[in-house]
Protein backbone atom coordinates (compact mmCIF):
# COMPACT_ATOMS: atom_id res chain seq x y z
CA MET A 1 9.23 1.56 10.87
CA ALA A 2 12.55 0.90 8.85
CA PHE A 3 12.98 -2.38 6.24
CA PHE A 4 15.80 -3.79 4.82
CA GLN A 5 15.64 -6.04 2.19
CA THR A 6 16.99 -9.43 2.88
CA GLY A 7 18.36 -10.78 -0.74
CA SER A 8 21.43 -9.49 -2.61
CA ALA A 9 20.44 -6.70 -4.74
CA ILE A 10 22.51 -3.39 -4.38
CA GLY A 11 20.76 -0.19 -3.63
CA VAL A 12 17.52 -1.27 -2.78
CA ASN A 13 16.37 1.71 -0.76
CA LEU A 14 12.67 0.28 1.02
CA GLY A 15 9.83 2.36 1.29
CA ASN A 16 11.44 5.64 0.11
CA SER A 17 11.61 7.31 -3.14
CA ASP A 18 14.28 6.87 -5.59
CA GLY A 19 13.52 10.31 -6.43
CA ALA A 20 12.86 11.37 -10.70
CA THR A 21 15.34 8.72 -11.68
CA ALA A 22 14.80 5.05 -12.11
CA LYS A 23 17.38 2.94 -10.33
CA PHE A 24 15.81 -0.49 -10.85
CA THR A 25 13.82 -2.64 -13.35
CA LEU A 26 10.21 -1.05 -13.15
CA GLY A 27 8.34 -4.24 -12.20
CA THR A 28 11.02 -5.48 -10.09
CA ARG A 29 10.36 -7.69 -6.81
CA VAL A 30 12.35 -8.33 -3.61
CA SER A 31 12.33 -9.75 -0.22
CA GLY A 32 12.57 -7.54 3.16
CA SER A 33 12.25 -7.95 6.87
CA ASN A 34 9.02 -8.46 8.80
CA ASP A 35 8.47 -10.84 5.62
CA THR A 36 7.72 -8.15 3.20
CA GLU A 37 7.57 -8.23 -0.25
CA TRP A 38 8.21 -4.82 -2.48
CA VAL A 39 7.80 -3.89 -6.43
CA TYR A 40 9.52 -1.23 -8.02
CA VAL A 41 6.86 1.45 -9.52
CA ARG A 42 6.59 4.68 -10.69
CA ALA A 43 4.34 7.20 -8.57
CA ASN A 44 1.45 8.86 -10.94
CA VAL A 45 0.91 11.29 -7.95
CA ALA A 46 2.57 12.40 -4.64
CA LEU A 47 2.47 9.55 -1.89
CA THR A 48 2.80 9.56 1.59
CA THR A 49 3.14 6.77 4.31
CA GLY A 50 -0.06 4.19 3.86
CA HIS A 51 -1.48 5.23 1.17
CA VAL A 52 -3.45 2.17 -0.78
CA LEU A 53 -2.25 1.98 -4.35
CA LYS A 54 -3.37 0.25 -7.53
CA VAL A 55 -0.43 -1.03 -9.47
CA ASN A 56 -1.04 -1.46 -13.05
CA THR A 57 0.51 -4.05 -15.36
CA ALA A 58 2.91 -1.14 -16.79
CA PHE A 59 4.18 -0.41 -12.76
CA SER A 60 2.77 2.38 -12.24
CA ALA A 61 1.11 3.24 -9.16
CA ALA A 62 -2.38 5.32 -8.40
CA LEU A 63 -4.05 5.97 -5.56
CA SER A 64 -6.88 3.30 -5.05
CA ASN A 65 -10.05 3.85 -6.81
CA GLY A 66 -13.28 1.04 -7.40
CA SER A 67 -11.72 -0.16 -10.35
CA LEU A 68 -9.64 -2.72 -8.41
CA LEU A 69 -11.21 -5.97 -8.83
CA GLY A 70 -8.91 -8.72 -9.80
CA LYS A 71 -5.55 -5.44 -9.50
CA GLU A 72 -2.55 -6.07 -7.57
CA LEU A 73 -2.40 -3.57 -4.68
CA ALA A 74 0.65 -2.09 -2.47
CA PHE A 75 1.31 0.20 0.25
CA ALA A 76 3.76 3.54 0.02
CA GLN A 77 5.80 3.13 2.81
CA GLY A 78 7.56 6.75 2.68
CA THR A 79 6.79 9.78 0.77
CA PHE A 80 7.20 10.15 -3.19
CA SER A 81 6.48 13.19 -5.85
CA ALA A 82 4.40 12.56 -8.53
CA SER A 83 6.75 10.77 -10.64
CA ASP A 84 9.06 9.42 -8.60
CA TYR A 85 10.64 5.92 -8.88
CA GLY A 86 10.74 3.70 -5.57
CA PHE A 87 9.52 0.55 -3.97
CA VAL A 88 6.23 -0.11 -2.04
CA ALA A 89 5.19 -2.66 0.45
CA LYS A 90 2.70 -5.35 -1.51
CA ARG A 91 2.59 -7.99 1.77
CA GLY A 92 4.09 -7.58 5.14
CA ILE A 93 3.49 -7.89 9.11
CA ALA A 94 3.49 -4.70 10.66
CA ILE A 95 3.31 -2.70 7.38
CA TYR A 96 1.40 0.78 7.28
CA ALA A 97 -1.76 1.38 5.96
CA LYS A 98 -3.75 4.65 5.97
CA PHE A 99 -7.12 4.56 7.39
CA THR A 100 -9.79 7.53 7.03
CA ALA A 101 -11.83 6.93 10.61
CA ALA A 102 -11.85 5.07 13.35
CA ALA A 103 -11.40 1.06 13.10
CA THR A 104 -11.51 -2.02 14.97
CA ALA A 105 -8.38 -4.89 14.87
CA GLY A 106 -9.70 -7.73 12.78
CA ALA A 107 -12.74 -5.97 11.58
CA GLN A 108 -13.88 -6.10 7.96
CA LEU A 109 -11.95 -3.51 6.15
CA TYR A 110 -13.17 -1.96 2.80
CA LEU A 111 -11.14 0.90 0.37
CA ASN A 112 -12.87 4.17 1.03
CA ASN A 113 -13.86 7.03 -1.73
CA PRO A 114 -12.39 5.92 -5.41
CA GLY A 115 -9.07 7.66 -5.47
CA SER A 116 -8.32 8.48 -2.22
CA GLY A 117 -6.05 5.70 -1.42
CA VAL A 118 -7.75 5.07 2.19
CA LEU A 119 -9.18 2.41 3.86
CA ARG A 120 -12.44 2.06 6.09
CA GLN A 121 -14.55 -0.34 8.32
CA ALA A 122 -17.83 1.28 7.19
CA ALA A 123 -18.58 -0.43 3.91
CA ALA A 124 -17.39 1.78 1.07
CA THR A 125 -16.53 1.58 -2.15
CA ALA A 126 -15.13 -2.62 -2.11
CA THR A 127 -14.44 -5.06 0.21
CA LEU A 128 -10.91 -5.59 0.71
CA LYS A 129 -9.47 -8.93 1.75
CA GLY A 130 -6.18 -10.27 3.34
CA VAL A 131 -5.44 -6.98 5.19
CA SER A 132 -6.09 -7.00 8.62
CA LEU A 133 -5.21 -3.96 11.54
CA ILE A 134 -3.38 -4.84 14.04
CA THR A 135 -4.61 -2.62 17.14
CA THR A 136 -7.53 -0.58 17.47
CA GLN A 137 -8.09 3.04 16.10
CA THR A 138 -10.44 5.04 18.03
CA ALA A 139 -10.06 8.77 16.34
CA ALA A 140 -11.64 9.45 13.77
CA THR A 141 -8.69 11.16 11.79
CA ARG A 142 -7.06 9.80 8.64
CA ARG A 143 -3.74 8.13 9.60
CA ALA A 144 -1.61 5.42 8.79
CA LEU A 145 -1.57 2.55 10.93
CA LEU A 146 0.01 -1.05 11.28
CA VAL A 147 -1.73 -3.79 9.62
CA TYR A 148 -0.80 -7.66 8.84
CA ALA A 149 -1.01 -7.93 4.16
CA THR A 150 -1.33 -11.12 2.96
CA TRP A 151 -2.33 -10.83 -0.79
CA PRO A 152 -4.67 -8.09 -0.06
CA ARG A 153 -6.92 -8.05 -2.60
CA VAL A 154 -10.58 -6.56 -4.30
CA VAL A 155 -13.24 -9.37 -3.61
CA ALA A 156 -16.28 -7.06 -4.47
CA LEU A 157 -17.29 -4.13 -5.49
CA THR A 158 -19.92 -2.27 -2.75
CA GLY A 159 -22.56 0.63 -3.64
């Protein structure tokens, strides 16, 4: 899904990598189509569409892990190489999140194993709030699926 910004900033490329040279100040926030909010980050590792990210106070984005209680979460909406810069989605309607297995629309979601950057329905590393799967996923394969994300956050560590 292509997103476009709804503000007046010039040169914003939502969801895609800007490459190894920053075009904006890290932490820059913009609004986009589908009620999305985006933050400009530097990827710590290679990312693909749907990866769930932990964004630290220096706006470095890493794959989500179990140490997320009270941390900022975001979702890659394109492909980034390690050390690339670009905008990642903080919230929105019909943005992609990566799932590791089958999941039911509206069910409680959890972060998968530490450092995997994916979600699952079965209880796992950490309980997630503010993210809801839009359609049921029956295949037990890892893939990016559409979610509603409104202030996504980890509320409890499990396991």
